[in-house]
Protein backbone atom coordinates (compact mmCIF):
# COMPACT_ATOMS: atom_id res chain seq x y z
CA MET A 1 141.41 202.49 89.99
CA LYS A 2 139.29 203.58 93.01
CA ALA A 3 135.68 202.42 93.00
CA GLY A 4 134.45 206.09 93.07
CA ILE A 5 136.42 207.06 89.94
CA LEU A 6 135.26 203.94 88.12
CA ALA A 7 131.63 204.69 89.15
CA ALA A 8 131.97 208.24 87.84
CA LEU A 9 133.47 206.98 84.59
CA VAL A 10 130.72 204.43 84.06
CA SER A 11 128.02 206.98 84.96
CA GLY A 12 129.42 209.57 82.53
CA ALA A 13 129.77 207.00 79.75
CA LEU A 14 126.23 205.73 80.26
CA PHE A 15 124.88 209.30 80.30
CA GLY A 16 126.79 210.16 77.10
CA CYS A 17 125.67 206.98 75.36
CA GLY A 18 122.07 207.67 76.30
CA LEU A 19 122.29 211.12 74.83
CA ALA A 20 123.97 209.75 71.67
CA ILE A 21 121.28 207.03 71.31
CA SER A 22 118.53 209.60 71.76
CA GLY A 23 119.95 211.55 68.77
CA MET A 24 121.40 214.51 70.65
CA THR A 25 124.49 214.31 68.54
CA ASP A 26 122.40 215.40 65.53
CA ARG A 27 122.55 219.19 65.09
CA GLY A 28 118.95 219.41 63.93
CA VAL A 29 117.60 217.45 66.82
CA VAL A 30 119.50 219.58 69.34
CA LEU A 31 118.47 222.88 67.78
CA GLY A 32 114.88 221.71 67.52
CA PHE A 33 114.97 220.49 71.09
CA LEU A 34 116.21 223.91 72.29
CA ASP A 35 113.09 225.52 70.86
CA PHE A 36 110.31 225.55 73.44
CA ASN A 37 107.83 222.90 72.78
CA PRO A 38 105.66 220.61 74.95
CA ALA A 39 108.02 217.74 74.62
CA LEU A 40 110.84 219.77 76.29
CA ALA A 41 108.46 220.71 79.10
CA PHE A 42 107.66 217.03 79.71
CA VAL A 43 111.30 216.00 79.67
CA MET A 44 112.14 218.72 82.22
CA ALA A 45 109.17 217.93 84.40
CA GLY A 46 110.14 214.26 84.42
CA ALA A 47 113.75 215.04 85.25
CA VAL A 48 112.71 217.30 88.18
CA ALA A 49 110.18 214.68 89.46
CA VAL A 50 112.73 211.83 89.45
CA THR A 51 115.37 214.04 91.14
CA ALA A 52 113.00 215.23 93.78
CA ILE A 53 111.92 211.66 94.69
CA ALA A 54 115.39 210.14 94.46
CA PHE A 55 117.02 212.85 96.68
CA ARG A 56 114.52 212.09 99.47
CA PHE A 57 115.64 208.48 99.58
CA VAL A 58 119.35 209.02 98.97
CA LEU A 59 119.77 211.69 101.68
CA ARG A 60 118.14 209.45 104.27
CA MET A 61 121.00 206.96 103.83
CA PRO A 62 123.68 207.22 106.55
CA ALA A 63 126.40 207.46 103.81
CA PRO A 64 126.82 207.06 100.14
CA VAL A 65 127.67 203.65 98.78
CA LEU A 66 131.13 204.54 97.54
CA ALA A 67 132.12 207.24 100.13
CA ALA A 68 132.39 207.76 103.80
CA GLU A 69 130.10 210.71 103.91
CA PHE A 70 127.84 213.00 101.82
CA ARG A 71 129.60 216.14 100.60
CA LEU A 72 126.89 218.57 99.59
CA PRO A 73 127.68 222.10 98.42
CA MET A 74 127.78 224.61 101.25
CA ARG A 75 127.20 227.66 99.12
CA ASP A 76 123.94 228.31 97.41
CA ALA A 77 124.51 231.81 96.03
CA VAL A 78 124.24 232.49 92.40
CA ASP A 79 127.47 234.24 91.63
CA ARG A 80 129.29 235.58 88.62
CA ARG A 81 131.38 232.46 88.18
CA LEU A 82 128.29 230.20 88.05
CA LEU A 83 126.45 232.50 85.58
CA LEU A 84 129.54 232.84 83.39
CA GLY A 85 130.03 229.08 83.22
CA ALA A 86 126.48 228.33 82.50
CA ALA A 87 126.40 231.06 79.78
CA ILE A 88 129.51 229.71 78.11
CA PHE A 89 128.12 226.21 78.12
CA GLY A 90 124.74 227.28 76.77
CA VAL A 91 126.04 229.57 74.06
CA GLY A 92 128.56 227.01 72.97
CA TRP A 93 125.91 224.37 72.76
CA GLY A 94 123.52 226.61 70.91
CA LEU A 95 126.14 227.92 68.38
CA ALA A 96 127.73 224.54 67.72
CA GLY A 97 124.32 222.72 67.64
CA PHE A 98 125.42 219.74 69.72
CA CYS A 99 126.11 218.88 73.29
CA PRO A 100 129.85 218.32 73.82
CA GLY A 101 129.46 215.19 75.92
CA PRO A 102 127.52 212.90 73.60
CA ALA A 103 129.16 214.36 70.54
CA LEU A 104 132.49 212.96 71.70
CA VAL A 105 130.90 209.58 72.50
CA GLY A 106 129.21 209.62 69.06
CA VAL A 107 132.53 210.27 67.37
CA ALA A 108 134.25 207.52 69.30
CA ALA A 109 131.54 204.95 68.62
């Protein structure tokens, strides 16, 4: 297995386990989390801050660790396909009451 595929698998599994451990497989927690509250604002602010700082360091590297070059998206337009995909994911998450990723990890664990 290529190192990049293995890294993606490990990253996805770690993310899913983290969401499962945090209780995001519990329907009540997810539905409560989706209601606006100060905790949600702090989570989002923390995620944006970490990403903004990390991207500055990562993009200064000559190349990624497991690839020959950075491949960043060339398009930045918000099109119908993007909006439709986001809407399907959001509506599905809201109606089902759980995020599909950690729910599958929670079932397997």
